[in-house]
Structures are given as C-alpha cells and as structure tokens.
C-alpha cells in the first residue's frame, strides 16, 4: 500500500477522488437542507415556534 501512495499519479488520483466524494456529500447536504425552505417541505425543528 505504501508503494501505491508513493506513486505520484495514483496519489493525485486518490486525492481527486477523495475531494470529489467530500464535495458531493456537501452538495447532498445542502440539497437536503434546501428542502426545508419550502413551506410544504418537511417539518423543521423551528416551525412550531
């Protein structure tokens, strides 16, 4: 495994895949939170106050 990480092309590929997965999760989270902007969209914790 250490030899794979020492290979610069593979290391850069793993970094790219890791960053892509991280930003994809952030986008999914933002879409999920945007769902609560709509009045008919789900019950948000502060809607009852």
PDB file of N, CA and C in Angstrom:
ATOM      1  N   UNK A   1       0.830  -1.197   0.000  1.00  0.00           N
ATOM      2  CA  UNK A   1       0.000   0.000   0.000  1.00  0.00           C
ATOM      3  C   UNK A   1       0.872   1.257   0.000  1.00  0.00           C
ATOM      4  N   UNK A   2       1.990   1.215   0.727  1.00  0.00           N
ATOM      5  CA  UNK A   2       2.850   2.396   0.792  1.00  0.00           C
ATOM      6  C   UNK A   2       3.464   2.707  -0.571  1.00  0.00           C
ATOM      7  N   UNK A   3       3.730   1.664  -1.368  1.00  0.00           N
ATOM      8  CA  UNK A   3       4.294   1.909  -2.690  1.00  0.00           C
ATOM      9  C   UNK A   3       3.266   2.565  -3.602  1.00  0.00           C
ATOM     10  N   UNK A   4       1.989   2.232  -3.424  1.00  0.00           N
ATOM     11  CA  UNK A   4       0.948   2.882  -4.228  1.00  0.00           C
ATOM     12  C   UNK A   4       0.862   4.366  -3.896  1.00  0.00           C
ATOM     13  N   UNK A   5       0.977   4.685  -2.612  1.00  0.00           N
ATOM     14  CA  UNK A   5       0.884   6.088  -2.204  1.00  0.00           C
ATOM     15  C   UNK A   5       2.115   6.865  -2.662  1.00  0.00           C
ATOM     16  N   UNK A   6       3.252   6.201  -2.768  1.00  0.00           N
ATOM     17  CA  UNK A   6       4.458   6.883  -3.234  1.00  0.00           C
ATOM     18  C   UNK A   6       4.373   7.231  -4.719  1.00  0.00           C
ATOM     19  N   UNK A   7       3.577   6.480  -5.467  1.00  0.00           N
ATOM     20  CA  UNK A   7       3.402   6.771  -6.884  1.00  0.00           C
ATOM     21  C   UNK A   7       2.587   8.064  -7.004  1.00  0.00           C
ATOM     22  N   UNK A   8       3.154   9.072  -7.628  1.00  0.00           N
ATOM     23  CA  UNK A   8       2.527  10.398  -7.669  1.00  0.00           C
ATOM     24  C   UNK A   8       1.201  10.395  -8.428  1.00  0.00           C
ATOM     25  N   UNK A   9       1.113   9.667  -9.511  1.00  0.00           N
ATOM     26  CA  UNK A   9      -0.123   9.641 -10.300  1.00  0.00           C
ATOM     27  C   UNK A   9      -1.266   9.012  -9.510  1.00  0.00           C
ATOM     28  N   UNK A  10      -0.973   7.928  -8.815  1.00  0.00           N
ATOM     29  CA  UNK A  10      -2.017   7.273  -8.019  1.00  0.00           C
ATOM     30  C   UNK A  10      -2.395   8.146  -6.830  1.00  0.00           C
ATOM     31  N   UNK A  11      -1.399   8.777  -6.203  1.00  0.00           N
ATOM     32  CA  UNK A  11      -1.684   9.658  -5.066  1.00  0.00           C
ATOM     33  C   UNK A  11      -2.583  10.812  -5.495  1.00  0.00           C
ATOM     34  N   UNK A  12      -2.277  11.417  -6.637  1.00  0.00           N
ATOM     35  CA  UNK A  12      -3.109  12.513  -7.125  1.00  0.00           C
ATOM     36  C   UNK A  12      -4.511  12.031  -7.473  1.00  0.00           C
ATOM     37  N   UNK A  13      -4.618  10.828  -8.004  1.00  0.00           N
ATOM     38  CA  UNK A  13      -5.940  10.271  -8.306  1.00  0.00           C
ATOM     39  C   UNK A  13      -6.744  10.053  -7.034  1.00  0.00           C
ATOM     40  N   UNK A  14      -6.096   9.522  -6.001  1.00  0.00           N
ATOM     41  CA  UNK A  14      -6.800   9.297  -4.736  1.00  0.00           C
ATOM     42  C   UNK A  14      -7.227  10.613  -4.087  1.00  0.00           C
ATOM     43  N   UNK A  15      -6.394  11.616  -4.173  1.00  0.00           N
ATOM     44  CA  UNK A  15      -6.760  12.932  -3.643  1.00  0.00           C
ATOM     45  C   UNK A  15      -7.949  13.496  -4.403  1.00  0.00           C
ATOM     46  N   UNK A  16      -7.937  13.367  -5.725  1.00  0.00           N
ATOM     47  CA  UNK A  16      -9.049  13.856  -6.544  1.00  0.00           C
ATOM     48  C   UNK A  16     -10.345  13.131  -6.200  1.00  0.00           C
ATOM     49  N   UNK A  17     -10.283  11.818  -6.078  1.00  0.00           N
ATOM     50  CA  UNK A  17     -11.479  11.041  -5.748  1.00  0.00           C
ATOM     51  C   UNK A  17     -11.979  11.392  -4.348  1.00  0.00           C
ATOM     52  N   UNK A  18     -11.071  11.569  -3.416  1.00  0.00           N
ATOM     53  CA  UNK A  18     -11.460  11.940  -2.061  1.00  0.00           C
ATOM     54  C   UNK A  18     -12.123  13.303  -1.993  1.00  0.00           C
ATOM     55  N   UNK A  19     -11.553  14.271  -2.682  1.00  0.00           N
ATOM     56  CA  UNK A  19     -12.156  15.608  -2.695  1.00  0.00           C
ATOM     57  C   UNK A  19     -13.502  15.599  -3.403  1.00  0.00           C
ATOM     58  N   UNK A  20     -13.603  14.835  -4.489  1.00  0.00           N
ATOM     59  CA  UNK A  20     -14.869  14.746  -5.214  1.00  0.00           C
ATOM     60  C   UNK A  20     -15.954  14.149  -4.330  1.00  0.00           C
ATOM     61  N   UNK A  21     -15.642  13.090  -3.608  1.00  0.00           N
ATOM     62  CA  UNK A  21     -16.622  12.469  -2.708  1.00  0.00           C
ATOM     63  C   UNK A  21     -17.008  13.430  -1.583  1.00  0.00           C
ATOM     64  N   UNK A  22     -16.029  14.164  -1.054  1.00  0.00           N
ATOM     65  CA  UNK A  22     -16.303  15.118   0.021  1.00  0.00           C
ATOM     66  C   UNK A  22     -17.249  16.226  -0.447  1.00  0.00           C
ATOM     67  N   UNK A  23     -16.965  16.820  -1.607  1.00  0.00           N
ATOM     68  CA  UNK A  23     -17.820  17.890  -2.110  1.00  0.00           C
ATOM     69  C   UNK A  23     -19.176  17.373  -2.550  1.00  0.00           C
ATOM     70  N   UNK A  24     -19.250  16.138  -3.026  1.00  0.00           N
ATOM     71  CA  UNK A  24     -20.537  15.543  -3.378  1.00  0.00           C
ATOM     72  C   UNK A  24     -21.405  15.400  -2.131  1.00  0.00           C
ATOM     73  N   UNK A  25     -20.809  14.996  -1.014  1.00  0.00           N
ATOM     74  CA  UNK A  25     -21.563  14.891   0.240  1.00  0.00           C
ATOM     75  C   UNK A  25     -22.050  16.261   0.701  1.00  0.00           C
ATOM     76  N   UNK A  26     -21.232  17.281   0.530  1.00  0.00           N
ATOM     77  CA  UNK A  26     -21.649  18.635   0.904  1.00  0.00           C
ATOM     78  C   UNK A  26     -22.823  19.084   0.041  1.00  0.00           C
ATOM     79  N   UNK A  27     -22.771  18.808  -1.254  1.00  0.00           N
ATOM     80  CA  UNK A  27     -23.871  19.190  -2.140  1.00  0.00           C
ATOM     81  C   UNK A  27     -25.154  18.459  -1.752  1.00  0.00           C
ATOM     82  N   UNK A  28     -25.048  17.168  -1.438  1.00  0.00           N
ATOM     83  CA  UNK A  28     -26.232  16.427  -0.997  1.00  0.00           C
ATOM     84  C   UNK A  28     -26.803  17.008   0.292  1.00  0.00           C
ATOM     85  N   UNK A  29     -25.932  17.395   1.218  1.00  0.00           N
ATOM     86  CA  UNK A  29     -26.386  18.005   2.463  1.00  0.00           C
ATOM     87  C   UNK A  29     -27.097  19.332   2.200  1.00  0.00           C
ATOM     88  N   UNK A  30     -26.552  20.143   1.315  1.00  0.00           N
ATOM     89  CA  UNK A  30     -27.184  21.423   1.004  1.00  0.00           C
ATOM     90  C   UNK A  30     -28.528  21.234   0.313  1.00  0.00           C
ATOM     91  N   UNK A  31     -28.631  20.257  -0.567  1.00  0.00           N
ATOM     92  CA  UNK A  31     -29.921  19.966  -1.213  1.00  0.00           C
ATOM     93  C   UNK A  31     -30.926  19.495  -0.169  1.00  0.00           C
ATOM     94  N   UNK A  32     -30.480  18.658   0.760  1.00  0.00           N
ATOM     95  CA  UNK A  32     -31.356  18.177   1.820  1.00  0.00           C
ATOM     96  C   UNK A  32     -31.857  19.339   2.686  1.00  0.00           C
ATOM     97  N   UNK A  33     -30.957  20.258   3.042  1.00  0.00           N
ATOM     98  CA  UNK A  33     -31.365  21.405   3.856  1.00  0.00           C
ATOM     99  C   UNK A  33     -32.237  22.367   3.065  1.00  0.00           C
ATOM    100  N   UNK A  34     -32.017  22.498   1.764  1.00  0.00           N
ATOM    101  CA  UNK A  34     -32.835  23.378   0.929  1.00  0.00           C
ATOM    102  C   UNK A  34     -34.271  22.884   0.870  1.00  0.00           C
ATOM    103  N   UNK A  35     -34.480  21.592   1.078  1.00  0.00           N
ATOM    104  CA  UNK A  35     -35.820  21.025   1.075  1.00  0.00           C
ATOM    105  C   UNK A  35     -36.692  21.685   2.137  1.00  0.00           C
ATOM    106  N   UNK A  36     -36.105  22.119   3.248  1.00  0.00           N
ATOM    107  CA  UNK A  36     -36.873  22.722   4.333  1.00  0.00           C
ATOM    108  C   UNK A  36     -37.235  24.177   4.062  1.00  0.00           C
ATOM    109  N   UNK A  37     -36.713  24.772   3.004  1.00  0.00           N
ATOM    110  CA  UNK A  37     -37.042  26.161   2.685  1.00  0.00           C
ATOM    111  C   UNK A  37     -38.503  26.304   2.270  1.00  0.00           C
ATOM    112  N   UNK A  38     -39.013  25.297   1.614  1.00  0.00           N
ATOM    113  CA  UNK A  38     -40.386  25.294   1.141  1.00  0.00           C
ATOM    114  C   UNK A  38     -41.330  25.083   2.327  1.00  0.00           C
ATOM    115  N   UNK A  39     -42.480  25.733   2.316  1.00  0.00           N
ATOM    116  CA  UNK A  39     -43.438  25.597   3.416  1.00  0.00           C
ATOM    117  C   UNK A  39     -43.960  24.161   3.498  1.00  0.00           C
ATOM    118  N   UNK A  40     -44.201  23.541   2.363  1.00  0.00           N
ATOM    119  CA  UNK A  40     -44.721  22.182   2.365  1.00  0.00           C
ATOM    120  C   UNK A  40     -43.617  21.146   2.568  1.00  0.00           C
ATOM    121  N   UNK A  41     -42.384  21.547   2.630  1.00  0.00           N
ATOM    122  CA  UNK A  41     -41.278  20.601   2.697  1.00  0.00           C
ATOM    123  C   UNK A  41     -40.914  20.211   4.106  1.00  0.00           C
ATOM    124  N   UNK A  42     -41.420  19.123   4.600  1.00  0.00           N
ATOM    125  CA  UNK A  42     -40.984  18.557   5.865  1.00  0.00           C
ATOM    126  C   UNK A  42     -41.233  19.448   7.073  1.00  0.00           C
ATOM    127  N   UNK A  43     -41.070  18.883   8.236  1.00  0.00           N
ATOM    128  CA  UNK A  43     -41.215  19.660   9.468  1.00  0.00           C
ATOM    129  C   UNK A  43     -39.817  19.966   9.984  1.00  0.00           C
ATOM    130  N   UNK A  44     -39.533  21.231  10.091  1.00  0.00           N
ATOM    131  CA  UNK A  44     -38.249  21.662  10.601  1.00  0.00           C
ATOM    132  C   UNK A  44     -38.397  21.918  12.079  1.00  0.00           C
ATOM    133  N   UNK A  45     -37.327  21.864  12.831  1.00  0.00           N
ATOM    134  CA  UNK A  45     -37.402  21.936  14.286  1.00  0.00           C
ATOM    135  C   UNK A  45     -37.985  23.265  14.765  1.00  0.00           C
ATOM    136  N   UNK A  46     -37.791  24.350  14.027  1.00  0.00           N
ATOM    137  CA  UNK A  46     -38.262  25.657  14.473  1.00  0.00           C
ATOM    138  C   UNK A  46     -39.605  26.052  13.882  1.00  0.00           C
ATOM    139  N   UNK A  47     -40.254  25.186  13.115  1.00  0.00           N
ATOM    140  CA  UNK A  47     -41.549  25.532  12.543  1.00  0.00           C
ATOM    141  C   UNK A  47     -42.647  25.651  13.601  1.00  0.00           C
ATOM    142  N   UNK A  48     -42.487  25.024  14.745  1.00  0.00           N
ATOM    143  CA  UNK A  48     -43.526  25.008  15.750  1.00  0.00           C
ATOM    144  C   UNK A  48     -43.516  26.233  16.657  1.00  0.00           C
ATOM    145  N   UNK A  49     -42.463  27.051  16.604  1.00  0.00           N
ATOM    146  CA  UNK A  49     -42.382  28.213  17.488  1.00  0.00           C
ATOM    147  C   UNK A  49     -43.050  29.407  16.888  1.00  0.00           C
TER     148      UNK A  49
END
